[in-house]
Amino acid sequence: MDAILLTSSASIENFPWLSLIILLPAIGALTLQFLPNESENNLVNFRNCAIIFLSADFLIILLVLSKLFDNKESGLQLIERVDWLPAIGLEWSLGIDGISAPLVALSGLITLLAATASWKITNKPKLYFSLLLIQASAQCLVFLSQDFLLFFLAWELELVPVYLLIAIWGGKRRLYAATKFILYTALASLLILISGLALALSGNDFSLNLTELATRSPSGTFGLLCYLGFLIGFGVKLPIFPLHTWLPDAHGEANAPVSMLLAGILLKMGGYALIRFNIQMFPEIHLQLAPALIIIGIVNIIYGALNAFAQDNVKRRIACSSVSHMGFVLVGIGAINTLGINGAMLQMISHGLIAAAMFFVTGSFYERTNTLSIPNMGGLAKALPITFALFLTSSLASLALPGMSGFVSEITIFLGITSQDMFSSSFRSISILIAAIGLVLTPIYLLSMCRRVFFGPRIPALAMVDEMNSRELFIALSLLTPTLLIGFWPRIATDIFENSSNAIANNLAVHKLIAFVHIIPLN
């Protein structure tokens, strides 16, 4: 009996779960093509089919993380490798660790909720839900790929559905916003491809395996150029100032579910890639440029907050706040210790949930008011008390109110800077002081927006709008509940990635020690 149980357990572990997570949404997109589209009732069939496949995918993700993934291990787990195109060295190589695991879960949750939020899509519904499903596959493939070329193909694949989702189902300036998005991200991808191939060719043997590439740790001019190529390429997606200008336009024109994907997942790809490539593959270069990353991150924080004040469109103001909040990710990455990397990871998870909630609630009252102009709204709190409560809650989470996930992530990042003795005390003090200005500005522009939208003079035309329904309430609570849970018990999230963060920080510490020994020769 024991032998049978052991054999059964081994077969479960050897099952290609990661491939299933990636391919299941794509299979759902293929299934949609066989559904007839003559009747309007098939809109329900398209939506339900997408939700069923995404629900199954999310349940598999939860199963893998709860039963098969060991958060006590810092390295890759559940590794799958199949020679795909041996002639060019391309492998179907997958693996999961503490850095990718929470982002895969975040991707599964937000994509499922975005599909559930797409209740009133009547224009080309089959294409719309097919693109959502393809996007889900591409997102997970980005986080799970362990082959550079496979990673790059997934990185490029996810651009196409987002472009089409904005260009077809966006607002009046949707073509401009979609074109700007694709131009920025496609041009940045060239730098990623060039840097990755240069790194693959740099060793004795050509290799695209990310684990192998991480062992090369190139330095000097070559390493610096590759590092900067990755930094700019991934920085566009993060986004880093001044490469951020596509984001307010994309959010301003995209519908609410697509904005949930943009803010909740796509921006996190940039942060994930910076950790996976820049930190793990170029530790020596990263140690040298860490102060510059902190400075750039602080510029993001302050610029995004100041730019938010100038926006009279609700979604554009939230988009500018995303630029500000993702600056904290850069600061955490620049702190080059466990606290900093933990804070950066926690900030990505926290912002993904909070920003998705804010864009969803914004889309909810846009469907009722047909306006996103802040000056054209007022007095909505009496007509939409539940909507107001949810929007205020997500705003409080975004401004890092204690007891919510935003507070935990940002305070962890600040502690990461203060505990890093590689930086001078004056640099640490000035960095924290300037970054804290962003913390002061955030509640001003968010709470002033809440006041102008939900209080003030009541607009007669908006006095009789309908309140949220049970479906919309469920979606909003599904996003806000984890922010409260993480705020009160951060270990729900940190236990997943802490050991992997420790391993990355320890590797940086080793290279820091080696550099110190080289600078000060031993007698």
Protein backbone atom coordinates (compact mmCIF):
# COMPACT_ATOMS: atom_id res chain seq x y z
CA MET A 1 0.00 0.00 0.00
CA ASP A 2 2.82 2.42 0.90
CA ALA A 3 4.50 1.70 -2.42
CA ILE A 4 1.29 2.46 -4.28
CA LEU A 5 0.90 5.77 -2.43
CA LEU A 6 4.52 6.73 -3.15
CA THR A 7 4.09 5.88 -6.82
CA SER A 8 0.88 7.92 -6.97
CA SER A 9 2.56 10.91 -5.28
CA ALA A 10 5.53 10.76 -7.66
CA SER A 11 3.25 10.60 -10.69
CA ILE A 12 1.35 13.66 -9.47
CA GLU A 13 4.58 15.60 -9.01
CA ASN A 14 5.87 14.50 -12.42
CA PHE A 15 2.71 15.62 -14.19
CA PRO A 16 3.41 18.73 -16.37
CA TRP A 17 1.38 21.09 -14.21
CA LEU A 18 3.17 24.23 -15.38
CA SER A 19 2.51 23.41 -19.02
CA LEU A 20 -1.13 22.83 -18.15
CA ILE A 21 -1.34 26.23 -16.45
CA ILE A 22 0.04 27.87 -19.58
CA LEU A 23 -1.83 25.89 -22.22
CA LEU A 24 -5.28 25.62 -20.62
CA PRO A 25 -6.36 29.22 -21.44
CA ALA A 26 -5.03 28.79 -25.00
CA ILE A 27 -7.12 25.63 -25.31
CA GLY A 28 -10.08 27.70 -24.10
CA ALA A 29 -9.42 30.27 -26.84
CA LEU A 30 -9.38 27.46 -29.40
CA THR A 31 -12.60 26.04 -27.99
CA LEU A 32 -14.32 29.41 -28.44
CA GLN A 33 -13.73 29.20 -32.18
CA PHE A 34 -16.03 26.17 -32.40
CA LEU A 35 -18.95 27.93 -30.73
CA PRO A 36 -21.53 29.34 -33.20
CA ASN A 37 -22.05 33.08 -33.24
CA GLU A 38 -25.35 33.51 -35.08
CA SER A 39 -27.44 34.18 -31.97
CA GLU A 40 -26.98 37.03 -29.53
CA ASN A 41 -27.32 34.49 -26.73
CA ASN A 42 -23.91 33.16 -27.69
CA LEU A 43 -22.39 36.20 -25.95
CA VAL A 44 -23.26 34.36 -22.73
CA ASN A 45 -21.68 31.18 -24.09
CA PHE A 46 -18.45 32.97 -25.04
CA ARG A 47 -18.19 34.67 -21.66
CA ASN A 48 -19.07 31.55 -19.69
CA CYS A 49 -16.63 29.43 -21.67
CA ALA A 50 -13.82 31.89 -20.95
CA ILE A 51 -14.73 32.07 -17.25
CA ILE A 52 -14.84 28.26 -16.97
CA PHE A 53 -11.37 27.83 -18.48
CA LEU A 54 -9.89 30.69 -16.43
CA SER A 55 -11.51 29.35 -13.26
CA ALA A 56 -10.06 25.91 -13.89
CA ASP A 57 -6.66 27.48 -14.58
CA PHE A 58 -6.75 29.49 -11.36
CA LEU A 59 -7.75 26.42 -9.34
CA ILE A 60 -4.81 24.50 -10.81
CA ILE A 61 -2.49 27.38 -9.88
CA LEU A 62 -3.79 27.26 -6.30
CA LEU A 63 -3.38 23.47 -6.26
CA VAL A 64 0.22 23.69 -7.44
CA LEU A 65 1.13 26.41 -4.94
CA SER A 66 -0.57 24.71 -1.99
CA LYS A 67 0.28 21.05 -2.61
CA LEU A 68 3.33 20.84 -4.88
CA PHE A 69 5.31 24.06 -4.43
CA ASP A 70 7.66 24.09 -1.43
CA ASN A 71 8.20 27.67 -0.24
CA LYS A 72 11.10 26.51 1.94
CA GLU A 73 13.15 25.91 -1.22
CA SER A 74 14.83 28.90 -2.85
CA GLY A 75 15.56 27.35 -6.25
CA LEU A 76 13.48 26.27 -9.21
CA GLN A 77 10.88 23.57 -8.73
CA LEU A 78 8.60 21.45 -10.96
CA ILE A 79 11.08 21.85 -13.80
CA GLU A 80 9.89 20.79 -17.26
CA ARG A 81 12.26 20.61 -20.22
CA VAL A 82 11.50 19.48 -23.75
CA ASP A 83 13.62 20.14 -26.84
CA TRP A 84 11.35 22.22 -29.02
CA LEU A 85 13.58 23.50 -31.83
CA PRO A 86 17.03 22.00 -31.23
CA ALA A 87 18.43 23.66 -34.35
CA ILE A 88 18.26 27.07 -32.67
CA GLY A 89 18.58 25.84 -29.10
CA LEU A 90 14.96 26.63 -28.18
CA GLU A 91 13.57 24.55 -25.34
CA TRP A 92 10.13 24.34 -23.76
CA SER A 93 11.78 24.94 -20.40
CA LEU A 94 9.59 25.84 -17.43
CA GLY A 95 10.16 26.22 -13.71
CA ILE A 96 8.71 28.01 -10.72
CA ASP A 97 10.32 29.59 -7.67
CA GLY A 98 9.36 32.09 -4.97
CA ILE A 99 9.77 35.06 -7.31
CA SER A 100 7.45 33.76 -10.03
CA ALA A 101 4.91 31.83 -7.90
CA PRO A 102 2.97 34.79 -6.39
CA LEU A 103 2.90 36.61 -9.74
CA VAL A 104 1.46 33.56 -11.49
CA ALA A 105 -1.28 33.45 -8.83
CA LEU A 106 -1.86 37.20 -9.23
CA SER A 107 -2.11 36.76 -13.00
CA GLY A 108 -4.64 33.94 -12.68
CA LEU A 109 -6.83 35.86 -10.24
CA ILE A 110 -6.92 39.18 -12.06
CA THR A 111 -7.47 37.65 -15.51
CA LEU A 112 -10.38 35.61 -14.16
CA LEU A 113 -11.91 38.70 -12.54
CA ALA A 114 -11.32 40.77 -15.70
CA ALA A 115 -13.26 38.20 -17.73
CA THR A 116 -16.05 38.23 -15.13
CA ALA A 117 -16.09 42.03 -15.28
CA SER A 118 -16.53 41.94 -19.09
CA TRP A 119 -20.29 41.58 -18.77
CA LYS A 120 -21.41 44.08 -21.38
CA ILE A 121 -19.08 43.30 -24.27
CA THR A 122 -21.34 43.11 -27.31
CA ASN A 123 -18.87 44.07 -30.04
CA LYS A 124 -17.04 40.97 -31.35
CA PRO A 125 -17.41 39.02 -28.08
CA LYS A 126 -15.80 35.84 -29.45
CA LEU A 127 -12.64 37.74 -30.41
CA TYR A 128 -12.63 39.66 -27.13
CA PHE A 129 -12.72 36.63 -24.87
CA SER A 130 -10.29 34.74 -27.12
CA LEU A 131 -7.79 37.54 -26.69
CA LEU A 132 -8.27 37.50 -22.91
CA LEU A 133 -7.52 33.77 -22.87
CA ILE A 134 -4.44 34.11 -25.09
CA GLN A 135 -3.25 36.93 -22.87
CA ALA A 136 -3.62 34.68 -19.83
CA SER A 137 -1.41 32.01 -21.43
CA ALA A 138 1.24 34.54 -22.47
CA GLN A 139 1.36 36.12 -19.01
CA CYS A 140 1.96 32.81 -17.24
CA LEU A 141 4.55 31.80 -19.83
CA VAL A 142 6.50 35.01 -19.11
CA PHE A 143 6.66 34.17 -15.41
CA LEU A 144 7.43 30.46 -15.85
CA SER A 145 9.85 30.44 -18.82
CA GLN A 146 13.39 29.25 -18.12
CA ASP A 147 14.62 29.65 -21.69
CA PHE A 148 15.43 33.15 -22.89
CA LEU A 149 13.99 32.73 -26.38
CA LEU A 150 10.83 31.18 -24.97
CA PHE A 151 10.59 34.08 -22.50
CA PHE A 152 11.03 36.58 -25.33
CA LEU A 153 8.38 34.92 -27.50
CA ALA A 154 5.93 35.07 -24.57
CA TRP A 155 6.91 38.70 -23.88
CA GLU A 156 6.10 39.58 -27.49
CA LEU A 157 2.97 37.43 -27.66
CA GLU A 158 1.27 39.26 -24.79
CA LEU A 159 1.66 42.58 -26.64
CA VAL A 160 -0.70 41.58 -29.45
CA PRO A 161 -3.84 40.86 -27.38
CA VAL A 162 -3.37 44.06 -25.34
CA TYR A 163 -2.95 46.12 -28.50
CA LEU A 164 -6.13 44.69 -30.01
CA LEU A 165 -8.09 44.95 -26.76
CA ILE A 166 -7.32 48.67 -26.60
CA ALA A 167 -7.63 49.35 -30.35
CA ILE A 168 -11.02 47.64 -30.79
CA TRP A 169 -12.79 48.08 -27.42
CA GLY A 170 -11.19 51.32 -26.22
CA GLY A 171 -12.43 54.91 -26.15
CA LYS A 172 -12.43 57.67 -28.75
CA ARG A 173 -8.62 57.89 -29.00
CA ARG A 174 -8.11 54.15 -28.78
CA LEU A 175 -6.04 53.81 -31.97
CA TYR A 176 -3.63 56.52 -30.81
CA ALA A 177 -3.26 54.90 -27.37
CA ALA A 178 -2.87 51.37 -28.79
CA THR A 179 -0.32 52.49 -31.38
CA LYS A 180 1.68 54.35 -28.74
CA PHE A 181 1.63 51.28 -26.52
CA ILE A 182 2.85 48.92 -29.24
CA LEU A 183 5.55 51.30 -30.47
CA TYR A 184 7.03 51.84 -27.02
CA THR A 185 6.95 48.18 -26.02
CA ALA A 186 8.01 46.75 -29.40
CA LEU A 187 11.02 49.07 -29.68
CA ALA A 188 11.98 48.22 -26.11
CA SER A 189 11.77 44.53 -27.00
CA LEU A 190 14.59 44.99 -29.52
CA LEU A 191 16.91 45.95 -26.68
CA ILE A 192 15.79 42.90 -24.71
CA LEU A 193 16.44 40.59 -27.67
CA ILE A 194 19.85 42.08 -28.46
CA SER A 195 20.97 41.96 -24.83
CA GLY A 196 19.72 38.41 -24.34
CA LEU A 197 21.35 37.03 -27.48
CA ALA A 198 24.61 38.83 -26.67
CA LEU A 199 24.57 37.21 -23.24
CA ALA A 200 23.77 33.80 -24.75
CA LEU A 201 26.78 34.09 -27.08
CA SER A 202 29.16 35.38 -24.40
CA GLY A 203 30.17 32.03 -22.88
CA ASN A 204 32.15 29.13 -24.24
CA ASP A 205 28.92 27.49 -25.36
CA PHE A 206 25.81 29.10 -26.78
CA SER A 207 23.00 28.76 -24.24
CA LEU A 208 19.53 30.21 -23.82
CA ASN A 209 18.88 28.57 -20.45
CA LEU A 210 18.31 31.27 -17.82
CA THR A 211 19.99 29.26 -15.06
CA GLU A 212 23.09 28.84 -17.20
CA LEU A 213 23.08 32.52 -18.17
CA ALA A 214 22.89 33.52 -14.51
CA THR A 215 26.17 31.70 -13.80
CA ARG A 216 28.10 33.81 -16.31
CA SER A 217 27.78 37.10 -14.37
CA PRO A 218 29.47 39.26 -17.03
CA SER A 219 31.06 42.50 -15.90
CA GLY A 220 32.95 45.36 -17.52
CA THR A 221 31.66 47.27 -20.53
CA PHE A 222 29.92 44.25 -22.03
CA GLY A 223 28.04 43.52 -18.82
CA LEU A 224 27.12 47.18 -18.40
CA LEU A 225 25.70 47.44 -21.93
CA CYS A 226 23.64 44.25 -21.50
CA TYR A 227 22.41 45.44 -18.10
CA LEU A 228 21.34 48.82 -19.52
CA GLY A 229 19.67 47.13 -22.49
CA PHE A 230 17.57 45.00 -20.14
CA LEU A 231 16.93 47.95 -17.82
CA ILE A 232 15.52 50.13 -20.60
CA GLY A 233 13.66 47.27 -22.28
CA PHE A 234 11.98 46.10 -19.09
CA GLY A 235 11.73 49.65 -17.74
CA VAL A 236 9.26 50.61 -20.47
CA LYS A 237 6.84 47.99 -19.13
CA LEU A 238 7.41 48.89 -15.46
CA PRO A 239 7.30 51.88 -16.42
CA ILE A 240 10.36 54.02 -15.64
CA PHE A 241 10.34 57.79 -16.16
CA PRO A 242 10.59 59.09 -18.91
CA LEU A 243 9.53 55.87 -20.69
CA HIS A 244 6.11 55.93 -19.03
CA THR A 245 4.05 58.20 -21.30
CA TRP A 246 2.22 55.32 -23.00
CA LEU A 247 0.61 54.29 -19.71
CA PRO A 248 -1.82 57.19 -19.01
CA ASP A 249 -3.00 57.09 -22.64
CA ALA A 250 -3.50 53.31 -22.58
CA HIS A 251 -5.44 53.42 -19.31
CA GLY A 252 -7.41 56.46 -20.40
CA GLU A 253 -8.74 54.68 -23.49
CA ALA A 254 -8.91 51.03 -22.38
CA ASN A 255 -12.09 49.64 -20.86
CA ALA A 256 -12.06 48.70 -17.17
CA PRO A 257 -11.22 44.97 -17.54
CA VAL A 258 -8.27 45.73 -19.82
CA SER A 259 -7.07 48.41 -17.37
CA MET A 260 -7.22 45.73 -14.68
CA LEU A 261 -4.86 43.60 -16.77
CA LEU A 262 -2.55 46.52 -17.54
CA ALA A 263 -2.18 47.68 -13.94
CA GLY A 264 -2.52 44.33 -12.25
CA ILE A 265 -0.23 42.18 -14.38
CA LEU A 266 1.60 43.85 -17.27
CA LEU A 267 3.46 46.37 -15.12
CA LYS A 268 4.55 43.53 -12.84
CA MET A 269 6.23 41.80 -15.78
CA GLY A 270 8.74 44.65 -15.87
CA GLY A 271 9.53 44.36 -12.16
CA TYR A 272 9.77 40.57 -12.34
CA ALA A 273 12.12 40.71 -15.33
CA LEU A 274 14.40 43.22 -13.60
CA ILE A 275 14.79 40.81 -10.68
CA ARG A 276 15.16 37.73 -12.90
CA PHE A 277 17.61 39.27 -15.37
CA ASN A 278 19.29 42.41 -14.04
CA ILE A 279 19.83 41.29 -10.45
CA GLN A 280 20.42 37.56 -10.95
CA MET A 281 22.50 37.74 -14.12
CA PHE A 282 24.50 40.92 -13.49
CA PRO A 283 25.10 41.09 -9.73
CA GLU A 284 28.35 43.07 -10.01
CA ILE A 285 26.83 45.66 -12.35
CA HIS A 286 23.72 45.85 -10.21
CA LEU A 287 25.78 46.60 -7.11
CA GLN A 288 27.41 49.51 -8.93
CA LEU A 289 24.17 50.93 -10.33
CA ALA A 290 21.97 50.32 -7.28
CA PRO A 291 22.16 53.97 -6.09
CA ALA A 292 21.16 55.13 -9.58
CA LEU A 293 18.13 52.81 -9.52
CA ILE A 294 17.08 54.27 -6.17
CA ILE A 295 17.35 57.78 -7.58
CA ILE A 296 15.33 56.83 -10.68
CA GLY A 297 12.74 55.16 -8.45
CA ILE A 298 12.42 58.30 -6.32
CA VAL A 299 11.97 60.38 -9.48
CA ASN A 300 9.17 57.99 -10.47
CA ILE A 301 7.54 58.39 -7.07
CA ILE A 302 7.59 62.19 -7.06
CA TYR A 303 6.92 62.75 -10.77
CA GLY A 304 4.02 60.31 -10.85
CA ALA A 305 2.45 61.92 -7.79
CA LEU A 306 2.85 65.47 -9.14
CA ASN A 307 1.56 64.45 -12.56
CA ALA A 308 -1.51 62.90 -10.94
CA PHE A 309 -2.55 66.34 -9.67
CA ALA A 310 -2.77 67.62 -13.26
CA GLN A 311 -5.23 64.91 -14.36
CA ASP A 312 -8.96 65.65 -14.47
CA ASN A 313 -9.75 62.16 -15.78
CA VAL A 314 -10.20 59.55 -13.03
CA LYS A 315 -8.46 56.74 -14.90
CA ARG A 316 -5.54 58.92 -15.98
CA ARG A 317 -5.06 60.06 -12.39
CA ILE A 318 -4.98 56.44 -11.20
CA ALA A 319 -2.56 55.61 -14.05
CA CYS A 320 -0.18 58.36 -12.91
CA SER A 321 -0.42 57.00 -9.37
CA SER A 322 0.72 53.63 -10.80
CA VAL A 323 3.85 55.31 -12.16
CA SER A 324 4.47 56.65 -8.66
CA HIS A 325 3.84 53.35 -6.89
CA MET A 326 5.99 51.32 -9.26
CA GLY A 327 8.83 53.68 -8.35
CA PHE A 328 8.87 51.94 -4.96
CA VAL A 329 9.61 48.67 -6.78
CA LEU A 330 12.73 50.25 -8.29
CA VAL A 331 13.78 51.59 -4.91
CA GLY A 332 13.36 48.14 -3.35
CA ILE A 333 15.36 46.51 -6.14
CA GLY A 334 18.06 49.13 -5.62
CA ALA A 335 18.27 48.40 -1.89
CA ILE A 336 20.12 45.12 -2.76
CA ASN A 337 19.20 43.28 0.43
CA THR A 338 16.50 40.86 1.54
CA LEU A 339 14.23 43.57 2.94
CA GLY A 340 14.43 45.61 -0.24
CA ILE A 341 13.70 42.68 -2.56
CA ASN A 342 10.91 41.46 -0.25
CA GLY A 343 9.44 44.96 -0.29
CA ALA A 344 9.64 45.15 -4.09
CA MET A 345 7.87 41.79 -4.43
CA LEU A 346 5.23 42.77 -1.88
CA GLN A 347 4.70 46.11 -3.63
CA MET A 348 4.10 44.38 -6.96
CA ILE A 349 1.52 42.04 -5.43
CA SER A 350 -0.11 44.83 -3.42
CA HIS A 351 -0.26 47.31 -6.28
CA GLY A 352 -1.59 44.65 -8.63
CA LEU A 353 -4.57 44.03 -6.35
CA ILE A 354 -5.20 47.66 -5.39
CA ALA A 355 -4.85 49.18 -8.86
CA ALA A 356 -7.06 46.47 -10.40
CA ALA A 357 -9.69 47.23 -7.73
CA MET A 358 -9.53 50.97 -8.39
CA PHE A 359 -9.87 50.58 -12.14
CA PHE A 360 -12.72 48.11 -11.75
CA VAL A 361 -14.71 50.36 -9.40
CA THR A 362 -14.01 53.30 -11.70
CA GLY A 363 -15.37 51.31 -14.63
CA SER A 364 -18.42 50.43 -12.56
CA PHE A 365 -19.50 54.02 -11.99
CA TYR A 366 -18.43 54.99 -15.54
CA GLU A 367 -21.03 52.53 -16.88
CA ARG A 368 -23.64 54.44 -14.87
CA THR A 369 -22.47 58.03 -15.39
CA ASN A 370 -20.85 57.81 -18.86
CA THR A 371 -18.12 60.21 -17.75
CA LEU A 372 -14.66 60.01 -16.21
CA SER A 373 -14.22 63.77 -15.99
CA ILE A 374 -13.72 64.75 -12.35
CA PRO A 375 -15.19 68.28 -12.81
CA ASN A 376 -18.36 66.71 -14.30
CA MET A 377 -19.01 64.51 -11.27
CA GLY A 378 -20.10 65.24 -7.75
CA GLY A 379 -22.41 64.04 -5.02
CA LEU A 380 -22.20 60.39 -6.04
CA ALA A 381 -21.80 59.18 -2.44
CA LYS A 382 -25.54 59.40 -1.78
CA ALA A 383 -26.51 57.73 -5.04
CA LEU A 384 -23.73 55.09 -4.91
CA PRO A 385 -22.86 54.46 -1.24
CA ILE A 386 -21.42 50.96 -1.80
CA THR A 387 -19.37 52.13 -4.78
CA PHE A 388 -18.09 55.04 -2.71
CA ALA A 389 -17.11 52.72 0.16
CA LEU A 390 -15.19 50.41 -2.16
CA PHE A 391 -13.45 53.24 -4.02
CA LEU A 392 -12.49 54.91 -0.74
CA THR A 393 -11.18 51.60 0.62
CA SER A 394 -9.01 51.02 -2.45
CA SER A 395 -7.79 54.63 -2.26
CA LEU A 396 -6.84 54.18 1.40
CA ALA A 397 -4.99 50.99 0.49
CA SER A 398 -3.19 52.84 -2.31
CA LEU A 399 -2.06 55.64 0.00
CA ALA A 400 -0.52 53.02 2.32
CA LEU A 401 -2.91 53.22 5.26
CA PRO A 402 -1.62 51.04 8.13
CA GLY A 403 -3.41 47.71 8.18
CA MET A 404 -3.41 47.39 4.40
CA SER A 405 -0.90 45.76 2.08
CA GLY A 406 0.39 49.04 0.63
CA PHE A 407 1.68 50.12 4.03
CA VAL A 408 3.53 46.85 4.64
CA SER A 409 5.26 46.89 1.25
CA GLU A 410 6.36 50.52 1.40
CA ILE A 411 7.61 50.38 4.99
CA THR A 412 9.57 47.22 4.12
CA ILE A 413 11.26 49.06 1.24
CA PHE A 414 12.17 51.98 3.51
CA LEU A 415 13.63 49.55 6.05
CA GLY A 416 15.60 47.96 3.23
CA ILE A 417 17.27 51.29 2.42
CA THR A 418 18.02 52.18 6.03
CA SER A 419 19.61 48.77 6.73
CA GLN A 420 21.91 48.87 3.68
CA ASP A 421 25.34 49.89 4.97
CA MET A 422 26.79 50.02 1.45
CA PHE A 423 25.18 53.45 1.07
CA SER A 424 26.35 56.46 3.03
CA SER A 425 24.12 57.66 5.85
CA SER A 426 23.51 60.94 4.03
CA PHE A 427 22.39 59.11 0.85
CA ARG A 428 20.02 56.93 2.87
CA SER A 429 18.57 59.88 4.78
CA ILE A 430 18.07 62.04 1.70
CA SER A 431 16.55 59.14 -0.28
CA ILE A 432 14.03 58.34 2.45
CA LEU A 433 13.19 62.01 2.97
CA ILE A 434 12.48 62.67 -0.72
CA ALA A 435 10.61 59.38 -1.20
CA ALA A 436 8.49 60.24 1.85
CA ILE A 437 7.31 63.35 -0.01
CA GLY A 438 5.55 60.97 -2.39
CA LEU A 439 3.82 59.38 0.58
CA VAL A 440 2.55 62.82 1.56
CA LEU A 441 1.39 63.69 -1.96
CA THR A 442 -0.46 60.40 -2.54
CA PRO A 443 -3.28 60.93 0.00
CA ILE A 444 -3.72 64.50 -1.24
CA TYR A 445 -4.41 63.64 -4.88
CA LEU A 446 -6.39 60.47 -4.07
CA LEU A 447 -8.58 61.88 -1.31
CA SER A 448 -9.17 65.11 -3.22
CA MET A 449 -10.38 62.98 -6.14
CA CYS A 450 -12.72 61.07 -3.79
CA ARG A 451 -14.06 64.36 -2.44
CA ARG A 452 -14.71 65.86 -5.88
CA VAL A 453 -16.29 62.72 -7.34
CA PHE A 454 -18.42 61.58 -4.41
CA PHE A 455 -19.10 64.80 -2.50
CA GLY A 456 -19.42 68.46 -3.39
CA PRO A 457 -22.26 69.89 -5.49
CA ARG A 458 -24.60 67.16 -6.62
CA ILE A 459 -25.00 66.84 -10.40
CA PRO A 460 -28.77 66.44 -11.09
CA ALA A 461 -28.19 64.11 -14.04
CA LEU A 462 -26.26 61.71 -11.78
CA ALA A 463 -28.71 61.69 -8.89
CA MET A 464 -30.62 58.53 -9.90
CA VAL A 465 -27.87 56.18 -11.06
CA ASP A 466 -28.05 52.51 -10.03
CA GLU A 467 -25.87 50.97 -7.36
CA MET A 468 -23.46 48.06 -7.86
CA ASN A 469 -24.98 44.63 -8.37
CA SER A 470 -23.91 41.48 -6.55
CA ARG A 471 -21.56 40.38 -9.34
CA GLU A 472 -19.65 43.66 -9.27
CA LEU A 473 -19.52 43.62 -5.48
CA PHE A 474 -18.03 40.11 -5.57
CA ILE A 475 -15.28 41.20 -8.01
CA ALA A 476 -14.36 44.24 -5.93
CA LEU A 477 -14.25 42.26 -2.68
CA SER A 478 -12.16 39.54 -4.33
CA LEU A 479 -9.49 42.18 -4.97
CA LEU A 480 -9.74 44.15 -1.73
CA THR A 481 -9.97 41.23 0.70
CA PRO A 482 -6.39 40.03 -0.05
CA THR A 483 -5.06 43.56 0.48
CA LEU A 484 -6.55 43.54 3.97
CA LEU A 485 -5.33 40.02 4.72
CA ILE A 486 -1.78 40.85 3.61
CA GLY A 487 -1.94 44.12 5.55
CA PHE A 488 -2.77 42.35 8.80
CA TRP A 489 -0.78 39.16 8.17
CA PRO A 490 2.00 39.84 5.58
CA ARG A 491 3.39 36.32 5.92
CA ILE A 492 0.54 35.10 3.73
CA ALA A 493 2.53 36.58 0.86
CA THR A 494 6.11 36.85 2.15
CA ASP A 495 6.39 33.16 3.07
CA ILE A 496 6.06 32.33 -0.63
CA PHE A 497 9.02 34.38 -1.84
CA GLU A 498 11.17 35.06 1.23
CA ASN A 499 13.61 32.19 0.72
CA SER A 500 14.11 33.05 -2.94
CA SER A 501 14.66 36.70 -1.99
CA ASN A 502 17.21 35.60 0.62
CA ALA A 503 19.09 33.58 -2.00
CA ILE A 504 19.22 36.56 -4.38
CA ALA A 505 20.34 38.92 -1.60
CA ASN A 506 22.99 36.43 -0.42
CA ASN A 507 24.35 36.19 -3.96
CA LEU A 508 24.61 39.98 -4.08
CA ALA A 509 26.35 39.96 -0.69
CA VAL A 510 28.94 37.46 -1.99
CA HIS A 511 29.73 39.63 -5.00
CA LYS A 512 29.85 42.68 -2.75
CA LEU A 513 32.43 40.91 -0.55
CA ILE A 514 34.47 39.83 -3.59
CA ALA A 515 34.48 43.41 -4.89
CA PHE A 516 35.58 44.66 -1.44
CA VAL A 517 38.49 42.18 -1.33
CA HIS A 518 39.61 43.27 -4.80
CA ILE A 519 39.54 46.93 -3.81
CA ILE A 520 41.44 46.42 -0.54
CA PRO A 521 44.24 43.86 -1.12
CA LEU A 522 44.98 41.50 1.76
CA ASN A 523 48.41 41.90 3.45
